[in-house]
All heavy atoms as atom14 arrays in JSON, in Angstrom:
{
  "sequence": "LLLFNIAAAAVQLLLVFVFGIPFLEEGEAQWLIVLFAVLMNIIFVFY",
  "atom14_mask": [
    [1, 1, 1, 1, 1, 1, 1, 1, 0, 0, 0, 0, 0, 0],
    [1, 1, 1, 1, 1, 1, 1, 1, 0, 0, 0, 0, 0, 0],
    [1, 1, 1, 1, 1, 1, 1, 1, 0, 0, 0, 0, 0, 0],
    [1, 1, 1, 1, 1, 1, 1, 1, 1, 1, 1, 0, 0, 0],
    [1, 1, 1, 1, 1, 1, 1, 1, 0, 0, 0, 0, 0, 0],
    [1, 1, 1, 1, 1, 1, 1, 1, 0, 0, 0, 0, 0, 0],
    [1, 1, 1, 1, 1, 0, 0, 0, 0, 0, 0, 0, 0, 0],
    [1, 1, 1, 1, 1, 0, 0, 0, 0, 0, 0, 0, 0, 0],
    [1, 1, 1, 1, 1, 0, 0, 0, 0, 0, 0, 0, 0, 0],
    [1, 1, 1, 1, 1, 0, 0, 0, 0, 0, 0, 0, 0, 0],
    [1, 1, 1, 1, 1, 1, 1, 0, 0, 0, 0, 0, 0, 0],
    [1, 1, 1, 1, 1, 1, 1, 1, 1, 0, 0, 0, 0, 0],
    [1, 1, 1, 1, 1, 1, 1, 1, 0, 0, 0, 0, 0, 0],
    [1, 1, 1, 1, 1, 1, 1, 1, 0, 0, 0, 0, 0, 0],
    [1, 1, 1, 1, 1, 1, 1, 1, 0, 0, 0, 0, 0, 0],
    [1, 1, 1, 1, 1, 1, 1, 0, 0, 0, 0, 0, 0, 0],
    [1, 1, 1, 1, 1, 1, 1, 1, 1, 1, 1, 0, 0, 0],
    [1, 1, 1, 1, 1, 1, 1, 0, 0, 0, 0, 0, 0, 0],
    [1, 1, 1, 1, 1, 1, 1, 1, 1, 1, 1, 0, 0, 0],
    [1, 1, 1, 1, 0, 0, 0, 0, 0, 0, 0, 0, 0, 0],
    [1, 1, 1, 1, 1, 1, 1, 1, 0, 0, 0, 0, 0, 0],
    [1, 1, 1, 1, 1, 1, 1, 0, 0, 0, 0, 0, 0, 0],
    [1, 1, 1, 1, 1, 1, 1, 1, 1, 1, 1, 0, 0, 0],
    [1, 1, 1, 1, 1, 1, 1, 1, 0, 0, 0, 0, 0, 0],
    [1, 1, 1, 1, 1, 1, 1, 1, 1, 0, 0, 0, 0, 0],
    [1, 1, 1, 1, 1, 1, 1, 1, 1, 0, 0, 0, 0, 0],
    [1, 1, 1, 1, 0, 0, 0, 0, 0, 0, 0, 0, 0, 0],
    [1, 1, 1, 1, 1, 1, 1, 1, 1, 0, 0, 0, 0, 0],
    [1, 1, 1, 1, 1, 0, 0, 0, 0, 0, 0, 0, 0, 0],
    [1, 1, 1, 1, 1, 1, 1, 1, 1, 0, 0, 0, 0, 0],
    [1, 1, 1, 1, 1, 1, 1, 1, 1, 1, 1, 1, 1, 1],
    [1, 1, 1, 1, 1, 1, 1, 1, 0, 0, 0, 0, 0, 0],
    [1, 1, 1, 1, 1, 1, 1, 1, 0, 0, 0, 0, 0, 0],
    [1, 1, 1, 1, 1, 1, 1, 0, 0, 0, 0, 0, 0, 0],
    [1, 1, 1, 1, 1, 1, 1, 1, 0, 0, 0, 0, 0, 0],
    [1, 1, 1, 1, 1, 1, 1, 1, 1, 1, 1, 0, 0, 0],
    [1, 1, 1, 1, 1, 0, 0, 0, 0, 0, 0, 0, 0, 0],
    [1, 1, 1, 1, 1, 1, 1, 0, 0, 0, 0, 0, 0, 0],
    [1, 1, 1, 1, 1, 1, 1, 1, 0, 0, 0, 0, 0, 0],
    [1, 1, 1, 1, 1, 1, 1, 1, 0, 0, 0, 0, 0, 0],
    [1, 1, 1, 1, 1, 1, 1, 1, 0, 0, 0, 0, 0, 0],
    [1, 1, 1, 1, 1, 1, 1, 1, 0, 0, 0, 0, 0, 0],
    [1, 1, 1, 1, 1, 1, 1, 1, 0, 0, 0, 0, 0, 0],
    [1, 1, 1, 1, 1, 1, 1, 1, 1, 1, 1, 0, 0, 0],
    [1, 1, 1, 1, 1, 1, 1, 0, 0, 0, 0, 0, 0, 0],
    [1, 1, 1, 1, 1, 1, 1, 1, 1, 1, 1, 0, 0, 0],
    [1, 1, 1, 1, 1, 1, 1, 1, 1, 1, 1, 1, 0, 0]
  ],
  "atom14_positions": [
    [[0.82, -1.21, 0.0], [0.0, 0.0, 0.0], [0.86, 1.26, 0.0], [0.51, 2.25, -0.65], [-0.95, 0.0, 1.19], [-2.17, -0.89, 1.06], [-2.88, -1.04, 2.39], [-3.12, -0.33, 0.01], [0.0, 0.0, 0.0], [0.0, 0.0, 0.0], [0.0, 0.0, 0.0], [0.0, 0.0, 0.0], [0.0, 0.0, 0.0], [0.0, 0.0, 0.0]],
    [[1.97, 1.22, 0.7], [2.87, 2.36, 0.71], [3.45, 2.62, -0.68], [3.46, 3.76, -1.16], [4.0, 2.13, 1.72], [4.99, 3.27, 1.9], [4.3, 4.5, 2.48], [6.12, 2.83, 2.81], [0.0, 0.0, 0.0], [0.0, 0.0, 0.0], [0.0, 0.0, 0.0], [0.0, 0.0, 0.0], [0.0, 0.0, 0.0], [0.0, 0.0, 0.0]],
    [[3.88, 1.57, -1.34], [4.4, 1.69, -2.7], [3.33, 2.25, -3.64], [3.6, 3.16, -4.43], [4.89, 0.33, -3.21], [5.41, 0.28, -4.64], [6.67, 1.13, -4.77], [5.67, -1.15, -5.06], [0.0, 0.0, 0.0], [0.0, 0.0, 0.0], [0.0, 0.0, 0.0], [0.0, 0.0, 0.0], [0.0, 0.0, 0.0], [0.0, 0.0, 0.0]],
    [[2.12, 1.73, -3.55], [1.04, 2.22, -4.41], [0.72, 3.68, -4.13], [0.54, 4.47, -5.07], [-0.22, 1.37, -4.23], [-1.4, 1.92, -4.97], [-1.46, 1.84, -6.34], [-2.43, 2.55, -4.29], [-2.53, 2.36, -7.04], [-3.5, 3.08, -4.97], [-3.56, 2.99, -6.35], [0.0, 0.0, 0.0], [0.0, 0.0, 0.0], [0.0, 0.0, 0.0]],
    [[0.63, 4.06, -2.87], [0.28, 5.44, -2.53], [1.37, 6.43, -2.94], [1.06, 7.54, -3.36], [-0.06, 5.56, -1.05], [-1.43, 5.02, -0.76], [-2.41, 5.46, -1.33], [-1.51, 4.04, 0.13], [0.0, 0.0, 0.0], [0.0, 0.0, 0.0], [0.0, 0.0, 0.0], [0.0, 0.0, 0.0], [0.0, 0.0, 0.0], [0.0, 0.0, 0.0]],
    [[2.61, 6.03, -2.83], [3.7, 6.89, -3.3], [3.6, 7.08, -4.81], [3.74, 8.2, -5.32], [5.07, 6.31, -2.88], [5.27, 6.45, -1.37], [6.22, 6.99, -3.65], [6.48, 5.72, -0.84], [0.0, 0.0, 0.0], [0.0, 0.0, 0.0], [0.0, 0.0, 0.0], [0.0, 0.0, 0.0], [0.0, 0.0, 0.0], [0.0, 0.0, 0.0]],
    [[3.34, 5.99, -5.52], [3.21, 6.08, -6.98], [2.0, 6.92, -7.38], [2.09, 7.76, -8.28], [3.11, 4.69, -7.59], [0.0, 0.0, 0.0], [0.0, 0.0, 0.0], [0.0, 0.0, 0.0], [0.0, 0.0, 0.0], [0.0, 0.0, 0.0], [0.0, 0.0, 0.0], [0.0, 0.0, 0.0], [0.0, 0.0, 0.0], [0.0, 0.0, 0.0]],
    [[0.86, 6.72, -6.72], [-0.35, 7.48, -7.05], [-0.15, 8.97, -6.75], [-0.58, 9.83, -7.54], [-1.55, 6.94, -6.29], [0.0, 0.0, 0.0], [0.0, 0.0, 0.0], [0.0, 0.0, 0.0], [0.0, 0.0, 0.0], [0.0, 0.0, 0.0], [0.0, 0.0, 0.0], [0.0, 0.0, 0.0], [0.0, 0.0, 0.0], [0.0, 0.0, 0.0]],
    [[0.5, 9.27, -5.65], [0.77, 10.67, -5.32], [1.74, 11.28, -6.33], [1.58, 12.43, -6.75], [1.34, 10.78, -3.9], [0.0, 0.0, 0.0], [0.0, 0.0, 0.0], [0.0, 0.0, 0.0], [0.0, 0.0, 0.0], [0.0, 0.0, 0.0], [0.0, 0.0, 0.0], [0.0, 0.0, 0.0], [0.0, 0.0, 0.0], [0.0, 0.0, 0.0]],
    [[2.74, 10.51, -6.73], [3.7, 11.01, -7.73], [3.0, 11.29, -9.06], [3.31, 12.29, -9.72], [4.83, 9.99, -7.92], [0.0, 0.0, 0.0], [0.0, 0.0, 0.0], [0.0, 0.0, 0.0], [0.0, 0.0, 0.0], [0.0, 0.0, 0.0], [0.0, 0.0, 0.0], [0.0, 0.0, 0.0], [0.0, 0.0, 0.0], [0.0, 0.0, 0.0]],
    [[2.07, 10.43, -9.44], [1.32, 10.65, -10.68], [0.56, 11.96, -10.6], [0.62, 12.79, -11.51], [0.35, 9.48, -10.96], [-0.66, 9.85, -12.03], [1.11, 8.23, -11.36], [0.0, 0.0, 0.0], [0.0, 0.0, 0.0], [0.0, 0.0, 0.0], [0.0, 0.0, 0.0], [0.0, 0.0, 0.0], [0.0, 0.0, 0.0], [0.0, 0.0, 0.0]],
    [[-0.16, 12.17, -9.51], [-0.95, 13.4, -9.38], [-0.06, 14.64, -9.32], [-0.39, 15.67, -9.91], [-1.87, 13.31, -8.15], [-2.93, 12.24, -8.26], [-3.76, 12.35, -9.53], [-4.13, 13.42, -9.97], [-4.06, 11.2, -10.12], [0.0, 0.0, 0.0], [0.0, 0.0, 0.0], [0.0, 0.0, 0.0], [0.0, 0.0, 0.0], [0.0, 0.0, 0.0]],
    [[1.06, 14.54, -8.62], [1.97, 15.69, -8.56], [2.58, 16.0, -9.92], [2.7, 17.18, -10.29], [3.07, 15.43, -7.52], [2.6, 15.43, -6.06], [3.74, 14.99, -5.15], [2.08, 16.8, -5.66], [0.0, 0.0, 0.0], [0.0, 0.0, 0.0], [0.0, 0.0, 0.0], [0.0, 0.0, 0.0], [0.0, 0.0, 0.0], [0.0, 0.0, 0.0]],
    [[2.95, 14.98, -10.66], [3.48, 15.21, -12.01], [2.43, 15.81, -12.93], [2.73, 16.69, -13.74], [4.01, 13.9, -12.61], [5.35, 13.41, -12.07], [5.64, 12.0, -12.56], [6.46, 14.36, -12.48], [0.0, 0.0, 0.0], [0.0, 0.0, 0.0], [0.0, 0.0, 0.0], [0.0, 0.0, 0.0], [0.0, 0.0, 0.0], [0.0, 0.0, 0.0]],
    [[1.2, 15.33, -12.81], [0.13, 15.87, -13.64], [-0.09, 17.35, -13.36], [-0.29, 18.15, -14.29], [-1.17, 15.1, -13.41], [-1.24, 13.69, -14.0], [-2.5, 12.98, -13.55], [-1.18, 13.74, -15.51], [0.0, 0.0, 0.0], [0.0, 0.0, 0.0], [0.0, 0.0, 0.0], [0.0, 0.0, 0.0], [0.0, 0.0, 0.0], [0.0, 0.0, 0.0]],
    [[-0.06, 17.73, -12.1], [-0.34, 19.12, -11.73], [0.86, 20.02, -12.03], [0.72, 21.06, -12.67], [-0.74, 19.22, -10.25], [-0.81, 20.66, -9.79], [-2.08, 18.52, -10.02], [0.0, 0.0, 0.0], [0.0, 0.0, 0.0], [0.0, 0.0, 0.0], [0.0, 0.0, 0.0], [0.0, 0.0, 0.0], [0.0, 0.0, 0.0], [0.0, 0.0, 0.0]],
    [[2.06, 19.62, -11.57], [3.19, 20.53, -11.64], [4.02, 20.44, -12.9], [4.69, 21.4, -13.27], [4.08, 20.34, -10.4], [3.39, 20.74, -9.13], [3.06, 19.79, -8.18], [3.05, 22.06, -8.9], [2.42, 20.15, -7.01], [2.41, 22.43, -7.73], [2.08, 21.47, -6.79], [0.0, 0.0, 0.0], [0.0, 0.0, 0.0], [0.0, 0.0, 0.0]],
    [[4.01, 19.3, -13.58], [4.8, 19.18, -14.81], [3.91, 19.39, -16.05], [4.26, 20.15, -16.95], [5.5, 17.8, -14.88], [6.21, 17.61, -16.22], [6.5, 17.67, -13.74], [0.0, 0.0, 0.0], [0.0, 0.0, 0.0], [0.0, 0.0, 0.0], [0.0, 0.0, 0.0], [0.0, 0.0, 0.0], [0.0, 0.0, 0.0], [0.0, 0.0, 0.0]],
    [[2.77, 18.69, -16.07], [1.91, 18.77, -17.24], [0.83, 19.85, -17.13], [0.13, 20.12, -18.1], [1.25, 17.41, -17.51], [2.24, 16.34, -17.87], [2.57, 15.34, -16.99], [2.88, 16.36, -19.11], [3.48, 14.35, -17.32], [3.79, 15.4, -19.46], [4.1, 14.39, -18.56], [0.0, 0.0, 0.0], [0.0, 0.0, 0.0], [0.0, 0.0, 0.0]],
    [[0.66, 20.44, -15.96], [-0.31, 21.51, -15.79], [-1.76, 21.07, -15.87], [-2.64, 21.84, -16.22], [0.0, 0.0, 0.0], [0.0, 0.0, 0.0], [0.0, 0.0, 0.0], [0.0, 0.0, 0.0], [0.0, 0.0, 0.0], [0.0, 0.0, 0.0], [0.0, 0.0, 0.0], [0.0, 0.0, 0.0], [0.0, 0.0, 0.0], [0.0, 0.0, 0.0]],
    [[-2.03, 19.82, -15.53], [-3.39, 19.28, -15.55], [-3.91, 19.32, -14.11], [-3.41, 18.61, -13.25], [-3.42, 17.84, -16.1], [-2.84, 17.8, -17.5], [-4.84, 17.29, -16.07], [-2.6, 16.42, -18.04], [0.0, 0.0, 0.0], [0.0, 0.0, 0.0], [0.0, 0.0, 0.0], [0.0, 0.0, 0.0], [0.0, 0.0, 0.0], [0.0, 0.0, 0.0]],
    [[-4.93, 20.13, -13.83], [-5.41, 20.23, -12.44], [-6.14, 18.97, -12.0], [-6.79, 18.29, -12.8], [-6.36, 21.43, -12.49], [-6.82, 21.48, -13.9], [-5.69, 20.97, -14.75], [0.0, 0.0, 0.0], [0.0, 0.0, 0.0], [0.0, 0.0, 0.0], [0.0, 0.0, 0.0], [0.0, 0.0, 0.0], [0.0, 0.0, 0.0], [0.0, 0.0, 0.0]],
    [[-6.0, 18.66, -10.73], [-6.7, 17.5, -10.17], [-8.18, 17.78, -10.02], [-9.01, 16.95, -10.3], [-6.09, 17.11, -8.82], [-6.69, 15.86, -8.22], [-6.39, 14.62, -8.74], [-7.57, 15.94, -7.17], [-6.95, 13.47, -8.21], [-8.13, 14.8, -6.63], [-7.82, 13.57, -7.15], [0.0, 0.0, 0.0], [0.0, 0.0, 0.0], [0.0, 0.0, 0.0]],
    [[-8.5, 18.98, -9.56], [-9.89, 19.38, -9.38], [-10.17, 20.62, -10.22], [-9.31, 21.48, -10.39], [-10.16, 19.72, -7.91], [-10.06, 18.59, -6.9], [-10.22, 19.14, -5.5], [-11.12, 17.54, -7.17], [0.0, 0.0, 0.0], [0.0, 0.0, 0.0], [0.0, 0.0, 0.0], [0.0, 0.0, 0.0], [0.0, 0.0, 0.0], [0.0, 0.0, 0.0]],
    [[-11.39, 20.68, -10.73], [-11.84, 21.89, -11.41], [-12.23, 22.92, -10.37], [-12.49, 22.58, -9.22], [-13.04, 21.56, -12.31], [-12.74, 20.53, -13.39], [-11.74, 21.01, -14.43], [-11.72, 22.21, -14.73], [-10.96, 20.18, -14.9], [0.0, 0.0, 0.0], [0.0, 0.0, 0.0], [0.0, 0.0, 0.0], [0.0, 0.0, 0.0], [0.0, 0.0, 0.0]],
    [[-12.3, 24.17, -10.75], [-12.7, 25.22, -9.81], [-14.11, 24.96, -9.33], [-14.99, 24.59, -10.1], [-12.63, 26.59, -10.48], [-11.25, 27.17, -10.45], [-11.25, 28.61, -10.89], [-12.12, 29.38, -10.46], [-10.36, 28.95, -11.68], [0.0, 0.0, 0.0], [0.0, 0.0, 0.0], [0.0, 0.0, 0.0], [0.0, 0.0, 0.0], [0.0, 0.0, 0.0]],
    [[-14.32, 25.13, -8.04], [-15.64, 24.95, -7.46], [-15.91, 23.56, -6.93], [-16.91, 23.33, -6.28], [0.0, 0.0, 0.0], [0.0, 0.0, 0.0], [0.0, 0.0, 0.0], [0.0, 0.0, 0.0], [0.0, 0.0, 0.0], [0.0, 0.0, 0.0], [0.0, 0.0, 0.0], [0.0, 0.0, 0.0], [0.0, 0.0, 0.0], [0.0, 0.0, 0.0]],
    [[-15.04, 22.6, -7.22], [-15.24, 21.25, -6.7], [-14.73, 21.18, -5.26], [-13.78, 21.87, -4.89], [-14.52, 20.21, -7.57], [-15.18, 20.04, -8.92], [-14.49, 18.96, -9.74], [-13.35, 18.58, -9.43], [-15.11, 18.49, -10.71], [0.0, 0.0, 0.0], [0.0, 0.0, 0.0], [0.0, 0.0, 0.0], [0.0, 0.0, 0.0], [0.0, 0.0, 0.0]],
    [[-15.35, 20.33, -4.49], [-15.01, 20.21, -3.07], [-13.65, 19.53, -2.9], [-13.3, 18.61, -3.64], [-16.09, 19.43, -2.34], [0.0, 0.0, 0.0], [0.0, 0.0, 0.0], [0.0, 0.0, 0.0], [0.0, 0.0, 0.0], [0.0, 0.0, 0.0], [0.0, 0.0, 0.0], [0.0, 0.0, 0.0], [0.0, 0.0, 0.0], [0.0, 0.0, 0.0]],
    [[-12.91, 19.96, -1.9], [-11.6, 19.39, -1.6], [-11.69, 17.97, -1.05], [-10.73, 17.22, -1.12], [-10.85, 20.29, -0.61], [-10.57, 21.68, -1.14], [-9.64, 21.66, -2.34], [-8.69, 20.9, -2.36], [-9.91, 22.5, -3.32], [0.0, 0.0, 0.0], [0.0, 0.0, 0.0], [0.0, 0.0, 0.0], [0.0, 0.0, 0.0], [0.0, 0.0, 0.0]],
    [[-12.85, 17.59, -0.53], [-13.0, 16.25, 0.03], [-12.94, 15.19, -1.07], [-12.74, 14.01, -0.78], [-14.29, 16.13, 0.83], [-15.54, 16.4, 0.04], [-16.17, 17.59, -0.11], [-16.28, 15.45, -0.72], [-17.27, 17.45, -0.92], [-17.36, 16.13, -1.31], [-16.14, 14.08, -0.97], [-18.29, 15.51, -2.13], [-17.07, 13.46, -1.78], [-18.13, 14.17, -2.35]],
    [[-13.07, 15.6, -2.34], [-12.95, 14.64, -3.44], [-11.56, 14.03, -3.51], [-11.41, 12.89, -3.96], [-13.31, 15.31, -4.76], [-14.79, 15.56, -5.0], [-15.0, 16.34, -6.28], [-15.56, 14.26, -5.04], [0.0, 0.0, 0.0], [0.0, 0.0, 0.0], [0.0, 0.0, 0.0], [0.0, 0.0, 0.0], [0.0, 0.0, 0.0], [0.0, 0.0, 0.0]],
    [[-10.56, 14.77, -3.06], [-9.19, 14.23, -3.05], [-9.1, 13.05, -2.1], [-8.54, 12.0, -2.43], [-8.18, 15.33, -2.66], [-8.16, 16.41, -3.73], [-6.79, 14.74, -2.45], [-7.31, 17.61, -3.37], [0.0, 0.0, 0.0], [0.0, 0.0, 0.0], [0.0, 0.0, 0.0], [0.0, 0.0, 0.0], [0.0, 0.0, 0.0], [0.0, 0.0, 0.0]],
    [[-9.68, 13.19, -0.92], [-9.68, 12.1, 0.06], [-10.5, 10.92, -0.46], [-10.07, 9.76, -0.36], [-10.22, 12.6, 1.42], [-10.32, 11.46, 2.41], [-9.34, 13.71, 1.96], [0.0, 0.0, 0.0], [0.0, 0.0, 0.0], [0.0, 0.0, 0.0], [0.0, 0.0, 0.0], [0.0, 0.0, 0.0], [0.0, 0.0, 0.0], [0.0, 0.0, 0.0]],
    [[-11.66, 11.2, -1.03], [-12.5, 10.13, -1.58], [-11.76, 9.39, -2.7], [-11.79, 8.16, -2.76], [-13.81, 10.71, -2.1], [-14.77, 9.71, -2.75], [-15.27, 8.71, -1.72], [-15.93, 10.44, -3.41], [0.0, 0.0, 0.0], [0.0, 0.0, 0.0], [0.0, 0.0, 0.0], [0.0, 0.0, 0.0], [0.0, 0.0, 0.0], [0.0, 0.0, 0.0]],
    [[-11.09, 10.13, -3.56], [-10.33, 9.54, -4.64], [-9.23, 8.62, -4.1], [-9.04, 7.5, -4.58], [-9.73, 10.63, -5.52], [-8.86, 10.13, -6.64], [-9.43, 9.58, -7.77], [-7.48, 10.19, -6.54], [-8.64, 9.11, -8.8], [-6.68, 9.73, -7.56], [-7.26, 9.19, -8.7], [0.0, 0.0, 0.0], [0.0, 0.0, 0.0], [0.0, 0.0, 0.0]],
    [[-8.51, 9.09, -3.09], [-7.43, 8.29, -2.5], [-7.96, 7.01, -1.87], [-7.38, 5.93, -2.04], [-6.66, 9.11, -1.48], [0.0, 0.0, 0.0], [0.0, 0.0, 0.0], [0.0, 0.0, 0.0], [0.0, 0.0, 0.0], [0.0, 0.0, 0.0], [0.0, 0.0, 0.0], [0.0, 0.0, 0.0], [0.0, 0.0, 0.0], [0.0, 0.0, 0.0]],
    [[-9.06, 7.11, -1.16], [-9.65, 5.93, -0.52], [-10.12, 4.93, -1.57], [-9.84, 3.72, -1.47], [-10.81, 6.33, 0.42], [-11.6, 5.12, 0.88], [-10.27, 7.11, 1.61], [0.0, 0.0, 0.0], [0.0, 0.0, 0.0], [0.0, 0.0, 0.0], [0.0, 0.0, 0.0], [0.0, 0.0, 0.0], [0.0, 0.0, 0.0], [0.0, 0.0, 0.0]],
    [[-10.81, 5.42, -2.6], [-11.3, 4.52, -3.65], [-10.15, 3.87, -4.41], [-10.21, 2.69, -4.76], [-12.21, 5.28, -4.61], [-13.57, 5.68, -4.06], [-14.33, 6.53, -5.06], [-14.38, 4.47, -3.66], [0.0, 0.0, 0.0], [0.0, 0.0, 0.0], [0.0, 0.0, 0.0], [0.0, 0.0, 0.0], [0.0, 0.0, 0.0], [0.0, 0.0, 0.0]],
    [[-9.09, 4.62, -4.67], [-7.94, 4.05, -5.37], [-7.26, 2.97, -4.52], [-6.8, 1.96, -5.05], [-6.93, 5.14, -5.74], [-7.37, 6.0, -6.9], [-7.73, 5.07, -8.4], [-6.12, 4.46, -8.82], [0.0, 0.0, 0.0], [0.0, 0.0, 0.0], [0.0, 0.0, 0.0], [0.0, 0.0, 0.0], [0.0, 0.0, 0.0], [0.0, 0.0, 0.0]],
    [[-7.21, 3.15, -3.21], [-6.64, 2.12, -2.34], [-7.51, 0.87, -2.33], [-6.99, -0.26, -2.31], [-6.44, 2.65, -0.93], [-5.16, 3.43, -0.82], [-4.09, 2.86, -0.83], [-5.27, 4.74, -0.72], [0.0, 0.0, 0.0], [0.0, 0.0, 0.0], [0.0, 0.0, 0.0], [0.0, 0.0, 0.0], [0.0, 0.0, 0.0], [0.0, 0.0, 0.0]],
    [[-8.81, 1.03, -2.33], [-9.72, -0.13, -2.39], [-9.54, -0.86, -3.71], [-9.44, -2.09, -3.74], [-11.18, 0.32, -2.18], [-11.38, 0.8, -0.75], [-12.15, -0.81, -2.52], [-12.7, 1.5, -0.5], [0.0, 0.0, 0.0], [0.0, 0.0, 0.0], [0.0, 0.0, 0.0], [0.0, 0.0, 0.0], [0.0, 0.0, 0.0], [0.0, 0.0, 0.0]],
    [[-9.46, -0.11, -4.8], [-9.24, -0.73, -6.11], [-7.91, -1.46, -6.14], [-7.8, -2.56, -6.68], [-9.33, 0.34, -7.22], [-10.78, 0.8, -7.38], [-8.78, -0.18, -8.54], [-10.96, 2.0, -8.26], [0.0, 0.0, 0.0], [0.0, 0.0, 0.0], [0.0, 0.0, 0.0], [0.0, 0.0, 0.0], [0.0, 0.0, 0.0], [0.0, 0.0, 0.0]],
    [[-6.87, -0.86, -5.53], [-5.57, -1.52, -5.51], [-5.62, -2.84, -4.74], [-5.01, -3.82, -5.14], [-4.49, -0.62, -4.92], [-3.23, -1.37, -4.65], [-2.45, -1.83, -5.7], [-2.83, -1.67, -3.36], [-1.31, -2.57, -5.47], [-1.7, -2.4, -3.12], [-0.92, -2.85, -4.18], [0.0, 0.0, 0.0], [0.0, 0.0, 0.0], [0.0, 0.0, 0.0]],
    [[-6.33, -2.87, -3.63], [-6.43, -4.11, -2.85], [-7.07, -5.21, -3.7], [-6.6, -6.35, -3.72], [-7.22, -3.87, -1.54], [-7.57, -5.18, -0.86], [-6.41, -2.98, -0.6], [0.0, 0.0, 0.0], [0.0, 0.0, 0.0], [0.0, 0.0, 0.0], [0.0, 0.0, 0.0], [0.0, 0.0, 0.0], [0.0, 0.0, 0.0], [0.0, 0.0, 0.0]],
    [[-8.13, -4.86, -4.44], [-8.74, -5.84, -5.34], [-7.78, -6.24, -6.45], [-7.68, -7.42, -6.81], [-10.05, -5.3, -5.93], [-11.2, -5.31, -4.96], [-11.85, -4.14, -4.64], [-11.63, -6.49, -4.37], [-12.9, -4.14, -3.74], [-12.67, -6.51, -3.48], [-13.32, -5.33, -3.15], [0.0, 0.0, 0.0], [0.0, 0.0, 0.0], [0.0, 0.0, 0.0]],
    [[-7.07, -5.27, -7.0], [-6.11, -5.55, -8.06], [-5.01, -6.48, -7.57], [-4.62, -7.42, -8.27], [-5.51, -4.24, -8.57], [-4.5, -4.4, -9.68], [-4.91, -4.72, -10.97], [-3.15, -4.22, -9.45], [-3.99, -4.86, -11.99], [-2.23, -4.36, -10.46], [-2.66, -4.68, -11.73], [-1.74, -4.82, -12.74], [0.0, 0.0, 0.0], [0.0, 0.0, 0.0]]
  ]
}
C-alpha cells in the first residue's frame, strides 16, 4: 500500500506541476481528493 500510494501521489503531482493538468476543477469540493485516494486504495487491494 505504501508503494502504491507513493506512486499514485507522484502521478498526481506530475500531472499538476509538470503537465499543468489540475486534479480538481474550480468549485469542486476538496474532500474529493480524500475520496479519490480511498477509492484508489480499495481498487488496488482488489487488483
